[in-house]
N, C-alpha and C. Protein backbone atom coordinates (compact mmCIF):
# COMPACT_ATOMS: atom_id res chain seq x y z
N MET A 1 109.77 155.23 80.07
CA MET A 1 109.63 156.67 80.88
C MET A 1 109.12 156.30 82.19
N GLU A 2 110.25 157.30 83.02
CA GLU A 2 109.71 157.15 84.18
C GLU A 2 109.51 158.56 85.05
N TYR A 3 108.83 158.82 85.80
CA TYR A 3 108.49 160.16 87.01
C TYR A 3 109.50 159.74 88.11
N ILE A 4 110.56 160.66 88.57
CA ILE A 4 111.15 160.42 89.58
C ILE A 4 111.44 161.70 90.25
N GLY A 5 111.49 161.68 91.43
CA GLY A 5 111.67 162.81 92.65
C GLY A 5 110.66 163.48 92.88
N ALA A 6 109.03 163.21 92.75
CA ALA A 6 108.43 164.38 93.05
C ALA A 6 107.64 164.02 94.49
N THR A 7 107.96 162.94 95.26
CA THR A 7 107.47 162.77 96.62
C THR A 7 108.43 163.10 97.59
N GLY A 8 109.57 163.53 97.64
CA GLY A 8 110.59 163.97 98.57
C GLY A 8 111.28 163.11 99.11
N ILE A 9 111.43 161.64 98.48
CA ILE A 9 112.24 160.45 98.80
C ILE A 9 113.59 160.93 98.38
N PRO A 10 114.59 160.60 99.49
CA PRO A 10 115.99 160.97 98.45
C PRO A 10 116.28 159.98 97.59
N ILE A 11 115.96 159.89 96.27
CA ILE A 11 116.16 158.91 95.29
C ILE A 11 117.25 159.47 94.47
N ARG A 12 118.01 158.80 93.99
CA ARG A 12 118.77 158.66 92.97
C ARG A 12 118.72 158.43 91.58
N LEU A 13 119.26 159.16 90.51
CA LEU A 13 118.99 158.20 89.18
C LEU A 13 119.70 156.91 89.33
N ASP A 14 120.97 156.88 89.66
CA ASP A 14 121.41 155.14 89.83
C ASP A 14 120.98 154.35 90.39
N ASP A 15 119.65 154.81 91.42
CA ASP A 15 119.06 153.62 91.88
C ASP A 15 118.04 152.95 91.12
N VAL A 16 117.88 153.28 89.91
CA VAL A 16 117.08 152.91 89.03
C VAL A 16 117.68 151.88 87.94
N PRO A 17 117.64 150.27 87.97
CA PRO A 17 118.08 149.29 86.87
C PRO A 17 117.37 149.91 85.70
N ILE A 18 118.22 149.94 84.50
CA ILE A 18 118.27 150.19 82.87
C ILE A 18 119.00 149.34 82.46
N GLU A 19 118.42 149.16 81.09
CA GLU A 19 118.86 148.20 80.18
C GLU A 19 119.43 148.77 79.27
N ASP A 20 120.76 148.45 78.85
CA ASP A 20 121.47 149.20 77.98
C ASP A 20 120.44 149.23 76.83
N ASP A 21 119.76 148.44 76.23
CA ASP A 21 119.00 148.22 74.97
C ASP A 21 117.78 149.00 74.74
N ILE A 22 117.61 149.69 76.02
CA ILE A 22 116.22 150.54 76.06
C ILE A 22 116.72 151.76 75.98
N ASP A 23 115.74 152.78 75.44
CA ASP A 23 115.79 154.03 75.47
C ASP A 23 115.17 154.57 76.58
N PHE A 24 115.53 154.77 77.73
CA PHE A 24 115.03 155.45 78.65
C PHE A 24 115.06 156.80 79.16
N HIS A 25 113.82 157.26 79.43
CA HIS A 25 113.73 158.60 79.71
C HIS A 25 113.48 158.80 81.16
N PHE A 26 113.88 159.49 82.04
CA PHE A 26 113.66 160.12 83.73
C PHE A 26 112.86 161.66 83.44
N LEU A 27 111.86 161.43 84.16
CA LEU A 27 111.23 162.57 84.15
C LEU A 27 111.31 163.50 85.06
N LEU A 28 111.93 164.42 85.29
CA LEU A 28 112.10 164.90 86.74
C LEU A 28 110.98 165.52 87.23
N GLY A 29 110.01 165.38 88.56
CA GLY A 29 108.94 165.88 88.81
C GLY A 29 109.11 166.75 90.27
N PHE A 30 108.90 168.12 90.05
CA PHE A 30 108.32 168.56 89.17
C PHE A 30 109.38 170.16 88.92
N ALA A 31 109.03 170.72 88.03
CA ALA A 31 109.32 172.23 87.99
C ALA A 31 108.19 173.03 87.95
N ILE A 32 107.79 173.81 88.81
CA ILE A 32 106.86 174.35 89.41
C ILE A 32 106.91 175.74 89.50
N ASP A 33 105.91 176.46 89.17
CA ASP A 33 105.55 178.01 88.34
C ASP A 33 105.40 178.45 89.82
N SER A 34 105.76 178.38 90.94
CA SER A 34 105.37 179.07 92.18
C SER A 34 106.19 179.10 93.03
N ASP A 35 106.35 179.68 94.37
CA ASP A 35 107.32 179.58 95.11
C ASP A 35 106.67 178.76 96.06
N GLN A 36 107.85 178.52 97.36
CA GLN A 36 107.64 177.74 98.41
C GLN A 36 106.04 178.00 99.29
N SER A 37 105.70 179.00 98.99
CA SER A 37 104.70 179.60 99.84
C SER A 37 103.53 179.34 99.13
N GLY A 38 103.53 178.91 97.68
CA GLY A 38 102.35 178.87 96.55
C GLY A 38 102.09 180.13 95.66
N ASN A 39 102.81 181.07 96.09
CA ASN A 39 102.57 182.36 95.04
C ASN A 39 103.02 181.98 93.93
N PRO A 40 102.13 182.65 92.89
CA PRO A 40 102.50 182.01 91.36
C PRO A 40 103.80 182.90 90.97
N GLN A 41 104.64 182.81 90.04
CA GLN A 41 106.06 183.48 90.00
C GLN A 41 106.01 183.92 88.29
N ASN A 42 104.83 183.98 87.77
CA ASN A 42 104.65 184.15 86.42
C ASN A 42 105.84 183.63 85.12
N GLY A 43 105.68 182.45 84.84
CA GLY A 43 106.20 181.71 84.42
C GLY A 43 107.79 181.57 84.52
N LYS A 44 108.01 181.99 85.62
CA LYS A 44 109.47 181.39 86.10
C LYS A 44 109.24 180.12 87.08
N PHE A 45 109.69 179.03 86.37
CA PHE A 45 109.75 177.77 87.10
C PHE A 45 110.84 177.63 87.74
N SER A 46 110.38 176.72 88.79
CA SER A 46 111.73 176.26 89.81
C SER A 46 111.64 174.84 90.23
N PRO A 47 112.65 173.90 90.28
CA PRO A 47 112.80 172.53 90.63
C PRO A 47 112.52 172.53 91.94
N TYR A 48 111.63 171.19 91.99
CA TYR A 48 110.86 170.63 93.29
C TYR A 48 111.31 169.27 93.49
N TRP A 49 111.83 169.06 92.96
CA TRP A 49 112.33 167.69 92.61
C TRP A 49 113.46 167.22 93.46
N ALA A 50 113.67 165.93 94.03
CA ALA A 50 114.38 165.83 95.20
C ALA A 50 115.80 165.82 95.00
N SER A 51 116.38 166.53 95.79
CA SER A 51 118.08 167.02 96.23
C SER A 51 119.13 166.45 95.35
N PRO A 52 118.94 164.75 95.60
CA PRO A 52 120.16 164.13 94.90
C PRO A 52 120.02 164.34 93.28
N LEU A 53 118.74 164.71 92.89
CA LEU A 53 119.05 164.81 91.33
C LEU A 53 119.54 165.94 90.93
N THR A 54 120.71 166.07 90.68
CA THR A 54 121.29 167.54 90.55
C THR A 54 122.11 167.12 88.72
N PRO A 55 122.72 168.62 88.61
CA PRO A 55 122.96 168.36 86.90
C PRO A 55 124.19 167.27 87.17
N SER A 56 125.20 167.47 88.28
CA SER A 56 126.32 166.90 88.06
C SER A 56 125.90 164.85 88.13
N SER A 57 124.65 164.70 88.58
CA SER A 57 124.07 163.31 88.52
C SER A 57 123.50 162.97 87.31
N ILE A 58 123.03 163.91 86.58
CA ILE A 58 122.42 163.64 85.35
C ILE A 58 123.50 163.70 84.57
N ALA A 59 124.66 164.37 84.26
CA ALA A 59 125.66 164.31 83.78
C ALA A 59 126.69 162.67 83.92
N ASP A 60 126.51 162.08 84.90
CA ASP A 60 126.95 161.08 85.32
C ASP A 60 126.38 159.72 84.84
N MET A 61 124.96 159.91 84.92
CA MET A 61 124.16 158.98 84.57
C MET A 61 124.16 158.85 82.81
N LYS A 62 124.18 159.88 82.46
CA LYS A 62 124.18 159.97 80.85
C LYS A 62 125.90 159.53 80.44
N ALA A 63 126.55 159.78 80.84
CA ALA A 63 128.04 159.31 80.96
C ALA A 63 127.83 157.82 80.85
N SER A 64 127.49 157.44 81.99
CA SER A 64 127.10 155.52 82.04
C SER A 64 126.47 155.12 81.47
N HIS A 65 125.24 155.71 81.07
CA HIS A 65 124.22 155.12 80.00
C HIS A 65 123.80 156.14 79.23
N PRO A 66 124.50 156.00 77.98
CA PRO A 66 124.08 156.99 76.74
C PRO A 66 122.63 156.59 76.02
N ASN A 67 121.88 155.94 76.81
CA ASN A 67 120.54 155.34 76.33
C ASN A 67 119.63 156.01 76.90
N VAL A 68 120.10 156.86 77.94
CA VAL A 68 119.30 157.46 79.01
C VAL A 68 119.12 159.22 78.69
N LYS A 69 117.70 159.70 78.74
CA LYS A 69 117.69 161.05 78.64
C LYS A 69 116.96 161.49 79.76
N VAL A 70 117.09 162.78 80.26
CA VAL A 70 116.63 163.24 81.58
C VAL A 70 115.80 164.53 81.07
N LEU A 71 114.49 164.36 81.41
CA LEU A 71 113.60 165.25 80.78
C LEU A 71 113.01 165.94 82.23
N ALA A 72 112.60 167.53 81.93
CA ALA A 72 111.90 168.09 83.16
C ALA A 72 110.46 168.12 83.00
N SER A 73 109.69 167.98 84.19
CA SER A 73 108.50 168.04 83.73
C SER A 73 107.60 169.23 84.54
N LEU A 74 107.07 169.99 83.54
CA LEU A 74 106.62 171.62 84.59
C LEU A 74 105.45 171.28 84.92
N SER A 75 105.33 172.12 85.91
CA SER A 75 103.86 172.00 86.73
C SER A 75 103.29 170.86 87.23
N GLY A 76 103.32 169.85 86.36
CA GLY A 76 102.48 168.63 87.17
C GLY A 76 101.33 168.94 87.88
N TRP A 77 100.81 168.07 88.88
CA TRP A 77 99.33 168.39 89.34
C TRP A 77 99.14 169.51 90.42
N SER A 78 100.47 170.40 90.73
CA SER A 78 100.38 171.28 91.46
C SER A 78 99.73 172.29 91.05
N ILE A 79 99.96 172.88 89.62
CA ILE A 79 98.97 174.52 89.42
C ILE A 79 98.08 173.89 88.56
N ASP A 80 97.96 174.34 87.47
CA ASP A 80 97.30 173.48 86.13
C ASP A 80 97.71 173.01 85.27
N THR A 81 96.96 171.57 85.47
CA THR A 81 97.97 170.46 84.79
C THR A 81 97.68 170.68 83.37
N CYS A 82 96.91 171.32 82.57
CA CYS A 82 96.70 171.70 81.30
C CYS A 82 98.31 172.49 80.94
N GLN A 83 98.99 172.60 81.62
CA GLN A 83 100.22 173.36 81.46
C GLN A 83 101.42 172.55 81.09
N ASN A 84 101.08 170.71 81.91
CA ASN A 84 102.30 170.02 82.20
C ASN A 84 102.66 169.52 80.78
N LEU A 85 104.03 169.79 80.49
CA LEU A 85 104.63 169.69 79.30
C LEU A 85 106.10 168.98 79.74
N ILE A 86 106.41 168.36 79.06
CA ILE A 86 107.93 167.76 79.51
C ILE A 86 108.91 168.15 78.28
N ILE A 87 109.99 168.48 78.76
CA ILE A 87 111.18 169.24 77.76
C ILE A 87 112.50 168.58 78.33
N SER A 88 113.30 168.70 77.56
CA SER A 88 114.80 167.91 77.92
C SER A 88 115.58 168.68 78.48
N LYS A 89 115.37 169.93 78.60
CA LYS A 89 116.37 170.94 79.42
C LYS A 89 115.52 171.79 80.33
N GLU A 90 115.99 172.02 81.53
CA GLU A 90 115.45 172.89 82.29
C GLU A 90 115.57 174.52 81.92
N LEU A 91 114.06 174.72 81.50
CA LEU A 91 114.24 175.97 80.78
C LEU A 91 113.25 176.80 81.46
N THR A 92 113.07 178.22 81.10
CA THR A 92 112.24 179.44 82.19
C THR A 92 111.73 179.84 80.50
N LEU A 93 110.24 179.50 80.78
CA LEU A 93 109.13 180.22 79.60
C LEU A 93 108.31 180.99 80.27
N ILE A 94 107.99 181.86 79.23
CA ILE A 94 107.29 183.06 79.53
C ILE A 94 106.07 182.83 79.08
N MET A 95 104.82 182.78 80.25
CA MET A 95 103.37 182.36 80.26
C MET A 95 102.91 183.46 80.03
N LYS A 96 101.86 183.50 78.71
CA LYS A 96 101.04 184.56 78.59
C LYS A 96 99.81 183.84 79.00
N ASP A 97 98.79 184.06 77.91
CA ASP A 97 97.19 183.86 78.23
C ASP A 97 96.82 182.24 78.43
N SER A 98 97.80 181.15 77.63
CA SER A 98 97.04 180.12 77.62
C SER A 98 98.19 179.08 77.67
N PRO A 99 97.67 177.79 77.88
CA PRO A 99 98.99 176.97 77.78
C PRO A 99 99.41 176.86 76.09
N GLU A 100 98.56 177.21 75.15
CA GLU A 100 98.91 177.35 73.84
C GLU A 100 100.19 177.96 73.49
N GLU A 101 100.72 178.72 74.18
CA GLU A 101 102.36 179.45 74.55
C GLU A 101 103.02 178.79 74.66
N ILE A 102 102.93 178.07 75.53
CA ILE A 102 104.14 176.81 75.58
C ILE A 102 104.47 175.93 74.63
N LEU A 103 103.35 175.73 73.81
CA LEU A 103 103.69 174.71 72.51
C LEU A 103 104.55 175.61 71.40
N VAL A 104 103.84 176.90 71.34
CA VAL A 104 104.41 177.70 70.58
C VAL A 104 105.78 177.74 70.99
N GLN A 105 106.14 178.12 72.18
CA GLN A 105 107.88 178.29 72.54
C GLN A 105 108.29 176.86 72.19
N LEU A 106 107.87 175.98 72.36
CA LEU A 106 108.57 174.53 72.36
C LEU A 106 108.66 174.31 70.84
N THR A 107 107.95 174.75 69.84
CA THR A 107 107.96 174.51 68.35
C THR A 107 109.37 175.42 68.07
N LEU A 108 109.54 176.56 68.67
CA LEU A 108 110.37 177.38 68.16
C LEU A 108 111.81 176.74 68.81
N LEU A 109 111.96 176.35 70.09
CA LEU A 109 113.12 175.56 70.70
C LEU A 109 113.27 174.45 69.91
N LYS A 110 112.53 173.68 69.66
CA LYS A 110 112.78 172.08 68.94
C LYS A 110 113.07 172.57 67.49
N ASN A 111 112.84 173.63 66.79
CA ASN A 111 113.57 173.97 65.41
C ASN A 111 114.69 174.42 65.40
N HIS A 112 114.99 175.20 66.75
CA HIS A 112 116.40 175.53 66.76
C HIS A 112 117.44 174.60 67.64
N SER A 113 117.04 173.48 67.90
CA SER A 113 117.40 172.22 68.38
C SER A 113 117.98 172.54 69.73
N VAL A 114 116.94 173.53 70.40
CA VAL A 114 117.44 173.58 71.88
C VAL A 114 116.87 172.42 72.87
N ILE A 115 116.10 172.04 72.36
CA ILE A 115 115.44 170.70 73.33
C ILE A 115 115.28 169.66 72.04
N SER A 116 115.31 168.50 72.50
CA SER A 116 114.97 167.17 71.61
C SER A 116 113.63 166.49 71.91
N VAL A 117 112.91 166.57 72.88
CA VAL A 117 111.80 165.63 73.20
C VAL A 117 110.78 166.67 74.13
N ALA A 118 109.80 166.36 73.29
CA ALA A 118 108.52 167.16 73.82
C ALA A 118 107.32 166.27 74.27
N THR A 119 106.54 166.17 75.46
CA THR A 119 105.45 165.18 75.89
C THR A 119 104.64 166.29 76.45
N ILE A 120 103.00 165.66 76.27
CA ILE A 120 102.44 165.98 77.14
C ILE A 120 101.54 164.87 78.08
N ALA A 121 101.15 165.27 78.80
CA ALA A 121 100.52 164.18 80.12
C ALA A 121 98.84 164.28 80.27
N PRO A 122 98.16 164.43 79.56
CA PRO A 122 96.59 164.49 79.75
C PRO A 122 96.32 163.39 80.64
N PHE A 123 95.20 163.78 81.49
CA PHE A 123 93.90 162.80 82.11
C PHE A 123 92.62 162.89 81.52
N TYR A 124 91.62 161.93 82.09
CA TYR A 124 90.35 162.42 81.64
C TYR A 124 90.03 163.70 81.85
N SER A 125 90.31 164.28 82.89
CA SER A 125 89.13 165.74 83.00
C SER A 125 90.31 167.10 82.44
N THR A 126 91.42 166.62 81.85
CA THR A 126 92.05 167.71 80.87
C THR A 126 92.26 167.09 79.59
N ALA A 127 91.76 166.35 79.09
CA ALA A 127 91.57 165.37 77.76
C ALA A 127 91.30 166.57 76.48
N LYS A 128 90.02 167.41 76.90
CA LYS A 128 89.65 168.37 76.02
C LYS A 128 90.76 169.63 75.25
N PRO A 129 91.35 169.95 76.12
CA PRO A 129 92.14 171.50 75.61
C PRO A 129 93.36 170.58 75.37
N TYR A 130 93.89 169.11 75.71
CA TYR A 130 95.10 168.83 75.14
C TYR A 130 94.83 168.39 73.85
N LEU A 131 93.65 167.83 73.50
CA LEU A 131 93.20 167.29 72.10
C LEU A 131 93.55 168.58 71.45
N GLU A 132 92.93 169.71 71.47
CA GLU A 132 92.98 170.69 70.80
C GLU A 132 94.06 171.34 70.15
N LEU A 133 95.00 171.18 71.52
CA LEU A 133 96.71 171.69 71.35
C LEU A 133 97.33 170.53 70.35
N PHE A 134 96.86 169.20 70.76
CA PHE A 134 97.74 168.36 69.94
C PHE A 134 97.21 167.93 68.12
N LYS A 135 96.21 168.74 68.17
CA LYS A 135 95.50 168.90 66.64
C LYS A 135 96.33 169.69 66.02
N ALA A 136 96.70 170.78 66.80
CA ALA A 136 97.32 172.19 66.33
C ALA A 136 99.13 171.91 66.48
N TYR A 137 99.40 171.15 67.27
CA TYR A 137 100.35 171.07 67.52
C TYR A 137 101.29 169.77 67.75
N GLY A 138 100.57 168.80 67.29
CA GLY A 138 100.81 167.45 67.13
C GLY A 138 102.43 167.06 66.45
N GLY A 139 103.01 167.66 65.65
CA GLY A 139 104.14 167.66 65.27
C GLY A 139 105.12 167.74 66.08
N VAL A 140 105.09 168.70 66.76
CA VAL A 140 106.08 168.96 68.06
C VAL A 140 106.31 167.88 69.10
N ILE A 141 105.12 167.34 69.42
CA ILE A 141 105.03 166.52 70.44
C ILE A 141 105.53 164.85 70.13
N ASP A 142 106.48 164.62 70.92
CA ASP A 142 106.75 163.20 70.59
C ASP A 142 106.01 161.85 71.17
N PHE A 143 105.28 162.35 72.40
CA PHE A 143 104.84 161.33 73.13
C PHE A 143 103.43 161.70 73.98
N VAL A 144 102.68 161.11 73.67
CA VAL A 144 101.53 161.20 74.94
C VAL A 144 101.32 160.29 75.75
N ASN A 145 101.81 160.98 77.14
CA ASN A 145 101.65 159.97 78.45
C ASN A 145 100.61 160.16 78.75
N TYR A 146 99.50 159.54 78.28
CA TYR A 146 97.99 159.67 79.07
C TYR A 146 97.86 158.97 80.43
N GLN A 147 97.36 159.39 81.51
CA GLN A 147 97.69 158.90 82.82
C GLN A 147 96.25 157.73 82.71
N PHE A 148 96.08 156.67 82.22
CA PHE A 148 95.37 155.87 82.05
C PHE A 148 94.97 155.13 83.48
N TYR A 149 95.63 155.70 84.56
CA TYR A 149 95.71 155.13 85.68
C TYR A 149 94.31 156.20 86.30
N THR A 150 94.27 157.37 85.87
CA THR A 150 93.16 158.15 86.54
C THR A 150 91.75 157.72 85.82
N ASP A 151 91.76 156.88 84.79
CA ASP A 151 90.50 156.41 84.57
C ASP A 151 90.26 155.45 85.24
N LYS A 152 90.75 154.79 86.08
CA LYS A 152 90.82 153.73 87.37
C LYS A 152 90.11 152.54 86.67
N VAL A 153 90.52 152.14 85.36
CA VAL A 153 90.15 150.77 84.99
C VAL A 153 91.05 149.85 86.04
N LYS A 154 90.12 148.63 86.40
CA LYS A 154 91.19 147.79 86.89
C LYS A 154 91.28 146.20 86.06
N THR A 155 90.89 146.15 85.09
CA THR A 155 91.22 145.03 84.41
C THR A 155 92.01 145.01 83.19
N PRO A 156 92.18 144.11 82.55
CA PRO A 156 93.05 144.18 81.28
C PRO A 156 92.04 144.51 80.30
N LYS A 157 90.90 143.74 80.35
CA LYS A 157 89.71 144.06 79.34
C LYS A 157 89.38 145.91 79.32
N GLY A 158 89.19 146.12 80.06
CA GLY A 158 88.87 147.81 80.81
C GLY A 158 90.22 148.39 80.11
N TYR A 159 91.49 148.06 80.40
CA TYR A 159 92.48 148.99 80.22
C TYR A 159 92.84 148.87 78.41
N LEU A 160 92.40 147.52 78.24
CA LEU A 160 92.30 147.97 76.35
C LEU A 160 91.12 148.80 75.90
N GLU A 161 89.70 148.83 76.35
CA GLU A 161 88.80 149.46 76.29
C GLU A 161 89.49 150.94 76.00
N SER A 162 90.01 151.17 77.40
CA SER A 162 90.52 152.80 77.57
C SER A 162 91.46 152.96 76.52
N PHE A 163 92.41 152.41 76.28
CA PHE A 163 93.50 152.53 75.22
C PHE A 163 93.00 152.42 73.89
N ARG A 164 91.88 151.90 73.61
CA ARG A 164 91.23 151.64 72.30
C ARG A 164 90.81 153.15 72.32
N PHE A 165 89.95 153.81 72.90
CA PHE A 165 89.34 155.21 72.92
C PHE A 165 90.28 156.10 72.57
N TRP A 166 91.14 156.13 73.43
CA TRP A 166 92.29 157.28 73.10
C TRP A 166 93.04 157.21 72.43
N ALA A 167 93.30 156.17 71.58
CA ALA A 167 94.08 156.11 70.42
C ALA A 167 93.46 156.48 69.54
N THR A 168 92.05 156.73 69.19
CA THR A 168 91.37 157.16 68.41
C THR A 168 91.24 158.85 68.52
N GLN A 169 91.50 159.36 69.72
CA GLN A 169 91.72 160.68 70.32
C GLN A 169 93.26 161.31 69.77
N PHE A 170 94.05 160.71 70.32
CA PHE A 170 95.60 160.81 70.11
C PHE A 170 96.13 160.03 68.88
N ASP A 171 97.30 160.29 68.50
CA ASP A 171 98.18 159.38 67.39
C ASP A 171 98.67 158.48 68.19
N LYS A 172 97.86 156.93 67.91
CA LYS A 172 98.06 156.02 68.65
C LYS A 172 99.53 155.35 68.46
N ASN A 173 100.36 155.90 67.37
CA ASN A 173 102.06 155.96 67.46
C ASN A 173 102.33 156.23 68.54
N LYS A 174 102.15 157.38 69.00
CA LYS A 174 102.45 158.36 70.28
C LYS A 174 102.15 158.09 71.37
N LEU A 175 100.88 157.37 71.43
CA LEU A 175 100.30 156.82 72.66
C LEU A 175 101.15 156.12 73.62
N LEU A 176 101.33 156.22 74.78
CA LEU A 176 101.98 155.13 75.69
C LEU A 176 100.89 154.71 76.68
N PRO A 177 101.16 153.45 77.08
CA PRO A 177 100.54 153.03 78.13
C PRO A 177 101.35 153.36 79.62
N SER A 178 100.44 153.49 80.58
CA SER A 178 100.91 154.22 82.05
C SER A 178 100.32 153.07 83.23
N TYR A 179 100.90 153.29 84.12
CA TYR A 179 101.18 152.69 85.26
C TYR A 179 101.47 153.54 86.51
N GLU A 180 100.66 153.39 87.58
CA GLU A 180 100.76 154.38 88.86
C GLU A 180 101.24 153.04 89.90
N VAL A 181 102.31 152.90 90.31
CA VAL A 181 102.82 152.04 91.48
C VAL A 181 102.53 152.26 92.56
N LYS A 182 101.86 151.35 93.27
CA LYS A 182 101.06 151.28 94.62
C LYS A 182 99.87 152.37 94.24
N GLY A 183 99.26 152.76 93.33
CA GLY A 183 98.52 153.93 92.91
C GLY A 183 96.88 153.21 92.58
N ARG A 184 96.66 154.01 91.79
CA ARG A 184 95.06 154.15 91.28
C ARG A 184 95.11 153.18 89.75
N GLY A 185 93.91 152.81 89.24
CA GLY A 185 93.61 151.87 88.36
C GLY A 185 94.06 150.72 88.26
N ILE A 186 94.75 149.94 87.12
CA ILE A 186 95.07 148.55 87.22
C ILE A 186 96.50 148.39 88.09
N GLN A 187 96.38 147.35 88.56
CA GLN A 187 97.39 147.02 89.73
C GLN A 187 98.24 145.77 89.48
N GLY A 188 99.41 145.66 89.81
CA GLY A 188 100.41 144.45 89.90
C GLY A 188 100.42 143.58 88.23
N ASP A 189 100.59 142.54 88.15
CA ASP A 189 101.00 141.99 87.21
C ASP A 189 99.99 142.14 85.67
N ALA A 190 98.51 142.59 86.60
CA ALA A 190 97.44 142.52 85.50
C ALA A 190 97.85 143.84 84.64
N PHE A 191 99.03 144.47 85.05
CA PHE A 191 99.10 145.58 83.82
C PHE A 191 99.94 144.91 83.05
N PHE A 192 100.70 144.23 82.96
CA PHE A 192 101.31 143.43 81.77
C PHE A 192 100.43 142.33 80.98
N ASP A 193 99.39 141.93 81.84
CA ASP A 193 98.39 141.28 81.17
C ASP A 193 97.67 142.00 80.29
N ALA A 194 97.52 143.54 80.65
CA ALA A 194 96.66 144.42 79.69
C ALA A 194 97.84 144.80 78.37
N LEU A 195 98.85 144.67 78.62
CA LEU A 195 99.77 145.34 77.75
C LEU A 195 100.07 144.10 76.57
N SER A 196 99.79 142.88 76.77
CA SER A 196 99.67 141.59 75.98
C SER A 196 98.28 141.74 75.25
N LEU A 197 97.41 142.20 75.74
CA LEU A 197 96.11 142.26 75.35
C LEU A 197 95.94 143.44 74.10
N LEU A 198 96.45 144.25 74.57
CA LEU A 198 96.64 145.49 73.78
C LEU A 198 97.43 144.93 72.33
N GLU A 199 98.45 144.38 72.40
CA GLU A 199 99.17 143.70 71.58
C GLU A 199 98.48 142.57 70.55
N ARG A 200 97.70 141.98 71.47
CA ARG A 200 96.75 140.70 70.65
C ARG A 200 95.72 140.87 70.22
N ASN A 201 94.86 141.60 70.85
CA ASN A 201 93.61 141.92 70.50
C ASN A 201 93.34 143.05 70.06
N GLY A 202 94.32 144.25 70.53
CA GLY A 202 93.99 145.66 69.93
C GLY A 202 94.90 145.92 68.73
N SER A 203 95.59 144.89 68.69
CA SER A 203 96.76 145.46 67.69
C SER A 203 97.67 146.57 67.51
N PHE A 204 97.89 147.05 68.58
CA PHE A 204 98.26 148.04 68.94
C PHE A 204 100.16 147.57 68.99
N GLU A 205 100.71 148.40 68.72
CA GLU A 205 102.22 148.20 68.91
C GLU A 205 102.73 149.19 70.37
N ILE A 206 103.29 148.51 70.97
CA ILE A 206 103.74 148.64 72.52
C ILE A 206 104.93 149.49 72.13
N ASN A 207 105.31 151.07 71.96
CA ASN A 207 106.57 151.80 71.63
C ASN A 207 107.11 152.39 73.08
N GLY A 208 106.18 151.87 74.00
CA GLY A 208 107.26 152.51 75.33
C GLY A 208 105.93 152.37 76.56
N ILE A 209 106.63 152.62 77.68
CA ILE A 209 105.65 152.46 78.92
C ILE A 209 106.04 153.91 79.67
N MET A 210 104.86 154.06 80.25
CA MET A 210 105.15 155.25 81.34
C MET A 210 104.86 154.75 82.78
N ILE A 211 106.12 155.22 83.68
CA ILE A 211 105.55 154.65 84.88
C ILE A 211 105.83 156.04 85.67
N PHE A 212 104.51 155.85 86.94
CA PHE A 212 104.75 156.72 87.69
C PHE A 212 104.29 155.88 89.22
N SER A 213 106.24 155.74 89.89
CA SER A 213 107.21 156.64 89.67
C SER A 213 107.95 155.71 90.36
N ALA A 214 109.39 156.00 90.08
CA ALA A 214 110.48 155.49 90.85
C ALA A 214 110.42 155.65 92.41
N ASP A 215 109.67 156.51 92.82
CA ASP A 215 109.77 156.85 94.19
C ASP A 215 109.43 155.91 94.73
N ALA A 216 108.14 155.27 94.03
CA ALA A 216 107.21 154.63 94.94
C ALA A 216 107.72 153.08 94.73
N SER A 217 108.44 152.79 93.72
CA SER A 217 109.11 151.65 93.06
C SER A 217 110.35 151.35 93.90
N SER A 218 110.98 152.38 94.74
CA SER A 218 112.12 152.18 95.41
C SER A 218 112.12 151.24 96.58
N SER A 219 110.55 150.77 97.10
CA SER A 219 110.09 149.93 98.04
C SER A 219 110.32 148.69 97.72
N ASN A 220 110.20 148.55 96.30
CA ASN A 220 109.81 147.14 96.11
C ASN A 220 111.16 146.42 94.91
N ASP A 221 112.18 147.12 94.82
CA ASP A 221 113.45 147.06 94.35
C ASP A 221 113.06 147.01 92.68
N TYR A 222 112.30 148.05 92.43
CA TYR A 222 112.26 148.48 90.92
C TYR A 222 111.60 147.34 90.10
N TYR A 223 110.16 146.46 90.80
CA TYR A 223 109.99 145.21 90.03
C TYR A 223 109.53 145.63 88.84
N TYR A 224 108.63 147.08 88.64
CA TYR A 224 107.92 146.96 87.54
C TYR A 224 108.96 147.84 86.56
N GLU A 225 109.73 148.54 86.89
CA GLU A 225 111.00 149.19 86.06
C GLU A 225 111.46 147.81 85.12
N LYS A 226 111.99 147.02 86.26
CA LYS A 226 112.50 145.83 85.43
C LYS A 226 111.78 145.23 84.30
N LYS A 227 110.58 144.57 85.01
CA LYS A 227 109.47 143.87 84.31
C LYS A 227 109.10 144.61 83.11
N SER A 228 109.00 145.87 82.83
CA SER A 228 108.57 146.88 81.76
C SER A 228 109.67 146.50 80.88
N GLN A 229 110.88 147.21 81.16
CA GLN A 229 111.98 147.03 80.28
C GLN A 229 112.62 145.84 79.48
N GLN A 230 112.02 144.65 80.47
CA GLN A 230 111.99 143.23 79.85
C GLN A 230 110.79 143.01 78.91
N TYR A 231 109.75 143.30 79.02
CA TYR A 231 108.52 143.29 78.06
C TYR A 231 108.87 143.94 76.85
N LEU A 232 109.65 145.24 77.02
CA LEU A 232 109.83 145.87 75.82
C LEU A 232 110.55 145.17 74.63
N LEU A 233 112.06 144.74 75.34
CA LEU A 233 112.97 143.75 74.69
C LEU A 233 112.21 142.78 74.18
N ASN A 234 111.35 141.78 74.91
CA ASN A 234 110.96 140.80 74.61
C ASN A 234 110.06 141.03 73.42
N SER A 235 109.26 142.21 73.36
CA SER A 235 108.23 142.42 72.25
C SER A 235 109.22 142.92 71.00
N ALA A 236 110.25 143.59 71.24
CA ALA A 236 110.89 143.97 69.99
C ALA A 236 111.51 143.09 69.14
N SER A 237 111.89 142.13 70.25
CA SER A 237 112.67 140.85 69.50
C SER A 237 112.04 139.84 69.06
N GLY A 238 110.29 139.85 69.20
CA GLY A 238 109.60 138.79 68.88
C GLY A 238 109.20 139.25 67.71
């Protein structure tokens, strides 16, 4: 999984190299519940991702790469991150008293096959409400993109300890390791050392990887996207 389009760089979906044997999810960042002046819009979300990420570009990408899904990330860091949910189509949801209402709506949408994928992206300071929602609606959530880079662990051993803890809080089979390109937390190839440690010493199966973001990777020829996909392919074949 990879966030794309959140920083204003004119990035395109087909800029990112994609292996045919990988289930690749783009996360469009972000659909925001506010206007350009920051005024709340009462649950009416508007897309603020990069302009090249159009419906036609999504259709072209899915036609050339059937293994790709394109999801819309709601809210992100800009409003209340406890409301950050990922869905497979751009939708307008009516927000009521709490983010729980979104999960109620998503449950209905998944039950009626309107959407196919839903994920949450908690981090350390929003973990508690996410855990409460996960306990109640874990069946509708496909992946937990915990933002491990916000824990600011710098070493593979520290990453293992953090992952081991959050795996006891969320479903370990839905929890994805995450990496922020040119950002916080573990950096460089130490991240892949951490993945190996998760499998070797932690006995965790790596079911996917979440990267933030393609925008940052555009300046280094998408090194982490290429290596992450190769890692997953090698892990699956091994």
